[in-house]
Structure formats: C-alpha cells, structure tokens
Amino acid sequence: MMKWQPIETAPKDGTEIIGVYVPTGPYDADYSIIEWDGKYWVGKCDGYRAIEAQSDFRTEFHTPFVTHWMPLPPPPREAG
C-alpha cells in the first residue's frame, strides 16, 4: 500500500514521483508528477519540464512547492 511520505525522504536520482503541496487554510492540495533535477523539484508534463511562462526573451519552468510524495503507480494493462 502506498502512503504519503515527507518530501525529505523522496529519491533524488531522477525517478519520477507524485508530489503534493498541502497548504494551510481553506485551500486544496496541488498534485504534480515531479523529479529531482539536482537542485530543484521539477514539475513534469508529458515527460517534459512543465513550462510556467514563455516569451520571446525567456522560458520559465514551473518549480512546484512540495511537502509530500509517493511512488507513481504502475500504468494500467491494455485490455485484451
């Protein structure tokens, strides 16, 4: 059974995991697929770093706030 664990215990070897930020107050939790890039937890989308903003001058990537993590579940098997 998978359980949420403190982010300090997450693997930092490039393994993709589910990260969650649990805010205080009346706000909903925010979930992302993330991986450690050697310096930051990086949000992922379709296997690429999640872009927060892009312009003619620069691209900014989303660095999620993360408080807890758990391993990704295995993908479903194909029907048939």
N, C-alpha and C. Protein backbone atom coordinates (compact mmCIF):
# COMPACT_ATOMS: atom_id res chain seq x y z
N MET A 1 0.84 -1.19 0.00
CA MET A 1 0.00 0.00 0.00
C MET A 1 0.89 1.25 0.00
N MET A 2 0.59 2.16 -0.89
CA MET A 2 1.37 3.39 -0.97
C MET A 2 0.83 4.40 0.02
N LYS A 3 1.75 5.08 0.71
CA LYS A 3 1.37 6.12 1.67
C LYS A 3 2.19 7.37 1.37
N TRP A 4 1.62 8.53 1.67
CA TRP A 4 2.34 9.78 1.53
C TRP A 4 3.49 9.81 2.52
N GLN A 5 4.64 10.27 2.04
CA GLN A 5 5.83 10.37 2.87
C GLN A 5 6.37 11.80 2.79
N PRO A 6 7.11 12.25 3.80
CA PRO A 6 7.70 13.60 3.74
C PRO A 6 8.64 13.72 2.54
N ILE A 7 8.65 14.88 1.91
CA ILE A 7 9.45 15.07 0.70
C ILE A 7 10.94 14.86 0.96
N GLU A 8 11.38 15.04 2.19
CA GLU A 8 12.80 14.85 2.51
C GLU A 8 13.26 13.40 2.29
N THR A 9 12.31 12.46 2.24
CA THR A 9 12.65 11.05 2.05
C THR A 9 12.55 10.60 0.60
N ALA A 10 12.20 11.50 -0.31
CA ALA A 10 11.99 11.14 -1.72
C ALA A 10 13.32 10.83 -2.42
N PRO A 11 13.28 9.95 -3.44
CA PRO A 11 14.50 9.65 -4.19
C PRO A 11 14.96 10.86 -5.00
N LYS A 12 16.26 11.07 -5.03
CA LYS A 12 16.83 12.19 -5.78
C LYS A 12 17.74 11.68 -6.88
N ASP A 13 17.28 10.62 -7.56
CA ASP A 13 18.07 10.01 -8.64
C ASP A 13 17.41 10.19 -10.01
N GLY A 14 16.45 11.13 -10.12
CA GLY A 14 15.76 11.36 -11.39
C GLY A 14 14.49 10.54 -11.55
N THR A 15 14.13 9.74 -10.55
CA THR A 15 12.90 8.95 -10.59
C THR A 15 11.69 9.88 -10.56
N GLU A 16 10.74 9.67 -11.47
CA GLU A 16 9.50 10.44 -11.44
C GLU A 16 8.63 9.92 -10.31
N ILE A 17 8.06 10.85 -9.53
CA ILE A 17 7.19 10.53 -8.40
C ILE A 17 5.99 11.45 -8.42
N ILE A 18 5.00 11.17 -7.59
CA ILE A 18 3.88 12.09 -7.40
C ILE A 18 4.23 12.97 -6.21
N GLY A 19 4.19 14.26 -6.41
CA GLY A 19 4.42 15.21 -5.33
C GLY A 19 3.15 15.96 -5.03
N VAL A 20 3.00 16.37 -3.78
CA VAL A 20 1.82 17.13 -3.39
C VAL A 20 2.25 18.27 -2.47
N TYR A 21 1.61 19.40 -2.66
CA TYR A 21 1.78 20.54 -1.77
C TYR A 21 0.48 20.65 -0.99
N VAL A 22 0.58 20.55 0.32
CA VAL A 22 -0.60 20.64 1.18
C VAL A 22 -0.55 22.00 1.89
N PRO A 23 -1.32 22.97 1.41
CA PRO A 23 -1.29 24.30 2.02
C PRO A 23 -2.09 24.34 3.32
N THR A 24 -1.83 25.36 4.10
CA THR A 24 -2.64 25.58 5.29
C THR A 24 -3.85 26.43 4.91
N GLY A 25 -4.88 26.35 5.69
CA GLY A 25 -6.07 27.15 5.42
C GLY A 25 -7.05 26.43 4.53
N PRO A 26 -7.97 27.16 3.96
CA PRO A 26 -9.07 26.54 3.18
C PRO A 26 -8.72 26.29 1.72
N TYR A 27 -7.50 25.87 1.45
CA TYR A 27 -7.07 25.66 0.06
C TYR A 27 -6.94 24.18 -0.24
N ASP A 28 -7.12 23.82 -1.50
CA ASP A 28 -6.98 22.44 -1.93
C ASP A 28 -5.51 22.08 -2.13
N ALA A 29 -5.20 20.81 -1.95
CA ALA A 29 -3.86 20.31 -2.23
C ALA A 29 -3.59 20.40 -3.73
N ASP A 30 -2.34 20.50 -4.11
CA ASP A 30 -1.92 20.60 -5.51
C ASP A 30 -0.96 19.45 -5.81
N TYR A 31 -1.29 18.63 -6.81
CA TYR A 31 -0.53 17.43 -7.16
C TYR A 31 0.22 17.63 -8.47
N SER A 32 1.42 17.04 -8.56
CA SER A 32 2.21 17.09 -9.79
C SER A 32 3.07 15.84 -9.89
N ILE A 33 3.37 15.44 -11.11
CA ILE A 33 4.43 14.47 -11.33
C ILE A 33 5.71 15.28 -11.33
N ILE A 34 6.68 14.87 -10.50
CA ILE A 34 7.90 15.64 -10.33
C ILE A 34 9.12 14.73 -10.38
N GLU A 35 10.29 15.35 -10.54
CA GLU A 35 11.56 14.65 -10.38
C GLU A 35 12.59 15.65 -9.89
N TRP A 36 13.63 15.16 -9.23
CA TRP A 36 14.72 15.99 -8.75
C TRP A 36 15.71 16.22 -9.88
N ASP A 37 16.06 17.48 -10.15
CA ASP A 37 16.99 17.77 -11.25
C ASP A 37 18.40 18.04 -10.76
N GLY A 38 18.66 17.75 -9.49
CA GLY A 38 19.97 18.01 -8.91
C GLY A 38 20.00 19.25 -8.05
N LYS A 39 18.98 20.11 -8.23
CA LYS A 39 18.89 21.34 -7.45
C LYS A 39 17.47 21.63 -6.97
N TYR A 40 16.48 21.29 -7.81
CA TYR A 40 15.08 21.60 -7.51
C TYR A 40 14.18 20.42 -7.84
N TRP A 41 13.00 20.42 -7.23
CA TRP A 41 11.94 19.52 -7.68
C TRP A 41 11.33 20.16 -8.91
N VAL A 42 11.24 19.41 -9.99
CA VAL A 42 10.78 19.94 -11.27
C VAL A 42 9.45 19.30 -11.63
N GLY A 43 8.45 20.12 -11.95
CA GLY A 43 7.16 19.63 -12.41
C GLY A 43 7.29 19.07 -13.81
N LYS A 44 6.57 17.99 -14.11
CA LYS A 44 6.63 17.34 -15.42
C LYS A 44 5.25 17.33 -16.07
N CYS A 45 5.26 17.41 -17.39
CA CYS A 45 4.03 17.29 -18.17
C CYS A 45 4.38 16.57 -19.46
N ASP A 46 3.76 15.44 -19.71
CA ASP A 46 4.06 14.62 -20.89
C ASP A 46 5.55 14.29 -21.01
N GLY A 47 6.20 14.09 -19.86
CA GLY A 47 7.60 13.71 -19.86
C GLY A 47 8.59 14.86 -19.96
N TYR A 48 8.10 16.10 -20.09
CA TYR A 48 8.96 17.27 -20.21
C TYR A 48 8.75 18.19 -19.02
N ARG A 49 9.74 19.05 -18.76
CA ARG A 49 9.58 20.03 -17.69
C ARG A 49 8.36 20.90 -17.99
N ALA A 50 7.56 21.16 -16.96
CA ALA A 50 6.34 21.95 -17.14
C ALA A 50 6.70 23.43 -17.28
N ILE A 51 6.23 24.04 -18.35
CA ILE A 51 6.51 25.45 -18.61
C ILE A 51 5.49 26.31 -17.89
N GLU A 52 5.99 27.31 -17.16
CA GLU A 52 5.13 28.26 -16.46
C GLU A 52 4.82 29.46 -17.34
N ALA A 53 5.85 29.96 -18.05
CA ALA A 53 5.67 31.11 -18.93
C ALA A 53 6.71 31.06 -20.04
N GLN A 54 6.32 31.50 -21.22
CA GLN A 54 7.25 31.51 -22.35
C GLN A 54 7.06 32.81 -23.12
N SER A 55 8.16 33.44 -23.49
CA SER A 55 8.09 34.68 -24.26
C SER A 55 9.23 34.69 -25.27
N ASP A 56 9.38 35.78 -26.00
CA ASP A 56 10.49 35.90 -26.94
C ASP A 56 11.83 36.01 -26.23
N PHE A 57 11.80 36.35 -24.95
CA PHE A 57 13.04 36.61 -24.22
C PHE A 57 13.50 35.44 -23.37
N ARG A 58 12.56 34.65 -22.81
CA ARG A 58 12.98 33.53 -21.98
C ARG A 58 11.80 32.58 -21.72
N THR A 59 12.14 31.42 -21.25
CA THR A 59 11.15 30.42 -20.84
C THR A 59 11.37 30.15 -19.36
N GLU A 60 10.31 30.21 -18.58
CA GLU A 60 10.39 29.92 -17.15
C GLU A 60 9.71 28.59 -16.89
N PHE A 61 10.39 27.73 -16.16
CA PHE A 61 9.84 26.42 -15.85
C PHE A 61 9.24 26.42 -14.46
N HIS A 62 8.20 25.66 -14.29
CA HIS A 62 7.49 25.56 -13.03
C HIS A 62 8.29 24.74 -12.03
N THR A 63 8.60 25.31 -10.88
CA THR A 63 9.24 24.60 -9.78
C THR A 63 8.19 24.47 -8.68
N PRO A 64 7.58 23.30 -8.52
CA PRO A 64 6.48 23.18 -7.57
C PRO A 64 6.95 23.20 -6.12
N PHE A 65 6.10 23.73 -5.25
CA PHE A 65 6.29 23.57 -3.82
C PHE A 65 5.82 22.16 -3.51
N VAL A 66 6.59 21.41 -2.77
CA VAL A 66 6.23 20.02 -2.50
C VAL A 66 6.45 19.73 -1.02
N THR A 67 5.46 19.12 -0.38
CA THR A 67 5.60 18.76 1.02
C THR A 67 5.65 17.26 1.24
N HIS A 68 5.02 16.48 0.34
CA HIS A 68 4.95 15.03 0.48
C HIS A 68 5.06 14.36 -0.88
N TRP A 69 5.34 13.06 -0.88
CA TRP A 69 5.49 12.32 -2.14
C TRP A 69 5.05 10.88 -1.95
N MET A 70 4.83 10.21 -3.09
CA MET A 70 4.66 8.76 -3.13
C MET A 70 5.07 8.28 -4.51
N PRO A 71 5.42 7.00 -4.63
CA PRO A 71 5.82 6.48 -5.96
C PRO A 71 4.65 6.52 -6.93
N LEU A 72 4.97 6.63 -8.21
CA LEU A 72 3.93 6.52 -9.23
C LEU A 72 3.41 5.09 -9.25
N PRO A 73 2.11 4.90 -9.41
CA PRO A 73 1.60 3.54 -9.54
C PRO A 73 1.96 2.99 -10.92
N PRO A 74 1.94 1.67 -11.09
CA PRO A 74 2.20 1.13 -12.42
C PRO A 74 1.05 1.52 -13.36
N PRO A 75 1.33 1.67 -14.64
CA PRO A 75 0.26 2.01 -15.59
C PRO A 75 -0.72 0.84 -15.74
N PRO A 76 -1.94 1.12 -16.17
CA PRO A 76 -2.90 0.03 -16.39
C PRO A 76 -2.46 -0.85 -17.55
N ARG A 77 -2.85 -2.09 -17.50
CA ARG A 77 -2.56 -3.00 -18.62
C ARG A 77 -3.55 -2.76 -19.74
N GLU A 78 -3.11 -3.05 -20.94
CA GLU A 78 -4.01 -2.90 -22.09
C GLU A 78 -5.12 -3.94 -22.00
N ALA A 79 -6.31 -3.56 -22.42
CA ALA A 79 -7.42 -4.51 -22.44
C ALA A 79 -7.17 -5.57 -23.52
N GLY A 80 -7.51 -6.79 -23.20
CA GLY A 80 -7.40 -7.86 -24.19
C GLY A 80 -6.14 -8.58 -24.04
